[in-house]
Amino acid sequence: MGLAQALGPDTPFTSMAGSEIFSLEMSKTEALTQAIRKSIGIRIKEESEIIEGEVVEVVVERAAGGGGARVGKLTLKTTDMETNYDMGAKMIDSLLKEKVQAGDVITIDKATGKINKLGRSFARARDYDATGMYLLCILYVIYRVI
């Protein structure tokens, strides 16, 4: 056990007694194979680019025929800048599903296009008199790329 503590918490370690290896129930190689499988640790590290900011404006334009694909524009404001994004039909559908409106703080995963609504901006939180009991107000809006 002292060896396991010396290696640190990040190193996988399996302690065994000699009676486990020289048991009559299973072979020595099988006991060692099972111990090695217990000790193998896999770490998956994923890096993704995330845009986080306050929604200033959402504009959804429908096709003239009514049945075509929708296109739209999203204006995001961060502490550093204000940017405009052109959106396709899938992004518009995810925006409508999350019920995003001006004043909300959202994150957009660039790789998957997934949109998460974090809450309302503190500056826009007082625009409405009737708000829910569990309204999450975010004081600081940052731009981060993870």
Protein backbone atom coordinates (compact mmCIF):
# COMPACT_ATOMS: atom_id res chain seq x y z
CA MET A 1 0.00 0.00 0.00
CA GLY A 2 2.94 2.32 0.62
CA LEU A 3 4.03 1.82 -2.98
CA ALA A 4 0.56 2.73 -4.24
CA GLN A 5 0.57 5.96 -2.23
CA ALA A 6 4.06 6.81 -3.48
CA LEU A 7 2.92 6.46 -7.09
CA GLY A 8 0.12 8.98 -6.51
CA PRO A 9 -3.64 8.99 -7.00
CA ASP A 10 -3.40 9.24 -10.80
CA THR A 11 -1.58 5.91 -11.22
CA PRO A 12 -3.83 2.84 -11.25
CA PHE A 13 -2.63 0.23 -8.76
CA THR A 14 -3.96 -3.20 -7.77
CA SER A 15 -2.56 -4.92 -4.71
CA MET A 16 -2.51 -8.71 -4.58
CA ALA A 17 -1.64 -11.35 -2.04
CA GLY A 18 0.44 -14.39 -2.91
CA SER A 19 -2.45 -16.69 -2.09
CA GLU A 20 -4.46 -15.14 -4.93
CA ILE A 21 -1.84 -16.15 -7.49
CA PHE A 22 -1.12 -19.64 -6.14
CA SER A 23 -4.79 -20.53 -5.74
CA LEU A 24 -6.18 -23.84 -6.94
CA GLU A 25 -9.31 -22.19 -8.35
CA MET A 26 -7.61 -20.49 -11.32
CA SER A 27 -4.29 -20.59 -13.11
CA LYS A 28 -1.45 -18.19 -12.39
CA THR A 29 -1.69 -16.53 -15.78
CA GLU A 30 -5.44 -15.98 -15.40
CA ALA A 31 -4.96 -14.35 -11.97
CA LEU A 32 -2.23 -12.07 -13.32
CA THR A 33 -4.28 -11.23 -16.42
CA GLN A 34 -7.26 -10.19 -14.27
CA ALA A 35 -5.02 -8.06 -12.04
CA ILE A 36 -3.49 -6.32 -15.06
CA ARG A 37 -6.95 -5.62 -16.52
CA LYS A 38 -8.01 -4.04 -13.22
CA SER A 39 -4.92 -1.82 -13.24
CA ILE A 40 -5.29 -0.52 -16.77
CA GLY A 41 -6.65 3.01 -16.71
CA ILE A 42 -7.82 4.88 -19.77
CA ARG A 43 -8.24 8.62 -19.88
CA ILE A 44 -10.07 10.28 -22.71
CA LYS A 45 -9.35 13.95 -23.12
CA GLU A 46 -11.57 15.92 -25.44
CA GLU A 47 -10.95 19.44 -26.57
CA SER A 48 -13.71 21.42 -28.18
CA GLU A 49 -14.21 25.01 -29.14
CA ILE A 50 -17.06 26.64 -27.28
CA ILE A 51 -18.42 30.12 -27.89
CA GLU A 52 -20.13 31.70 -24.89
CA GLY A 53 -21.95 35.01 -24.91
CA GLU A 54 -25.11 37.04 -24.49
CA VAL A 55 -27.66 36.92 -27.28
CA VAL A 56 -28.31 40.43 -28.57
CA GLU A 57 -30.55 39.56 -31.50
CA VAL A 58 -32.01 36.50 -33.18
CA VAL A 59 -33.43 36.91 -36.69
CA VAL A 60 -35.11 33.93 -38.37
CA GLU A 61 -36.07 34.31 -42.03
CA ARG A 62 -38.45 31.86 -43.62
CA ALA A 63 -38.53 31.06 -47.31
CA ALA A 64 -41.10 32.89 -49.45
CA GLY A 65 -42.89 29.67 -50.39
CA GLY A 66 -43.31 28.68 -46.76
CA GLY A 67 -41.93 25.16 -47.17
CA GLY A 68 -38.26 25.87 -47.74
CA ALA A 69 -35.35 25.81 -45.38
CA ARG A 70 -35.05 28.54 -42.81
CA VAL A 71 -31.98 30.72 -42.46
CA GLY A 72 -31.17 33.19 -39.75
CA LYS A 73 -28.66 35.42 -38.03
CA LEU A 74 -27.52 35.43 -34.42
CA THR A 75 -25.72 38.32 -32.75
CA LEU A 76 -23.63 37.37 -29.71
CA LYS A 77 -22.03 39.87 -27.36
CA THR A 78 -19.07 38.97 -25.17
CA THR A 79 -16.83 41.11 -23.02
CA ASP A 80 -14.35 41.44 -25.87
CA MET A 81 -16.51 41.78 -28.98
CA GLU A 82 -19.88 41.49 -30.65
CA THR A 83 -20.16 39.02 -33.52
CA ASN A 84 -22.77 38.02 -36.08
CA TYR A 85 -23.28 34.39 -37.06
CA ASP A 86 -25.22 33.00 -40.02
CA MET A 87 -27.22 29.94 -39.04
CA GLY A 88 -28.65 27.04 -40.95
CA ALA A 89 -31.84 25.08 -40.38
CA LYS A 90 -30.41 22.75 -37.70
CA MET A 91 -29.01 25.60 -35.62
CA ILE A 92 -32.32 27.45 -35.84
CA ASP A 93 -34.18 24.34 -34.72
CA SER A 94 -31.90 23.96 -31.70
CA LEU A 95 -32.33 27.66 -30.86
CA LEU A 96 -36.10 27.31 -30.98
CA LYS A 97 -35.95 24.12 -28.92
CA GLU A 98 -33.96 25.89 -26.17
CA LYS A 99 -36.32 28.92 -26.43
CA VAL A 100 -33.43 31.35 -26.79
CA GLN A 101 -34.32 35.03 -26.89
CA ALA A 102 -32.44 38.32 -26.61
CA GLY A 103 -30.74 38.66 -23.24
CA ASP A 104 -30.04 34.96 -22.73
CA VAL A 105 -26.50 33.69 -22.14
CA ILE A 106 -25.75 30.65 -24.30
CA THR A 107 -22.86 28.40 -25.25
CA ILE A 108 -22.39 27.02 -28.75
CA ASP A 109 -20.19 24.00 -29.41
CA LYS A 110 -18.54 24.67 -32.77
CA ALA A 111 -17.92 21.03 -33.63
CA THR A 112 -21.41 19.67 -32.98
CA GLY A 113 -23.49 22.84 -33.18
CA LYS A 114 -25.08 22.08 -29.81
CA ILE A 115 -26.58 25.08 -28.02
CA ASN A 116 -26.95 25.26 -24.23
CA LYS A 117 -28.86 28.02 -22.50
CA LEU A 118 -27.04 29.04 -19.30
CA GLY A 119 -29.45 31.73 -18.08
CA ARG A 120 -30.29 35.41 -18.43
CA SER A 121 -27.83 38.25 -18.58
CA PHE A 122 -27.83 40.38 -15.42
CA ALA A 123 -28.21 43.54 -17.53
CA ARG A 124 -31.40 42.22 -19.15
CA ALA A 125 -32.80 40.40 -16.12
CA ARG A 126 -34.79 43.45 -15.04
CA ASP A 127 -36.52 43.91 -18.39
CA TYR A 128 -39.46 41.81 -17.22
CA ASP A 129 -41.51 42.15 -14.05
CA ALA A 130 -42.83 38.61 -14.08
CA THR A 131 -39.95 36.15 -13.92
CA GLY A 132 -39.72 32.64 -12.62
CA MET A 133 -38.63 31.75 -9.14
CA TYR A 134 -35.47 30.03 -10.33
CA LEU A 135 -34.18 32.60 -12.82
CA LEU A 136 -30.42 32.20 -13.21
CA CYS A 137 -28.73 35.56 -13.75
CA ILE A 138 -25.17 35.59 -15.01
CA LEU A 139 -23.07 38.58 -14.05
CA TYR A 140 -20.04 38.14 -16.27
CA VAL A 141 -20.05 37.03 -19.87
CA ILE A 142 -16.77 35.66 -21.15
CA TYR A 143 -15.46 34.34 -24.42
CA ARG A 144 -13.68 31.07 -23.99
CA VAL A 145 -12.31 28.45 -26.30
CA ILE A 146 -11.85 25.15 -24.52
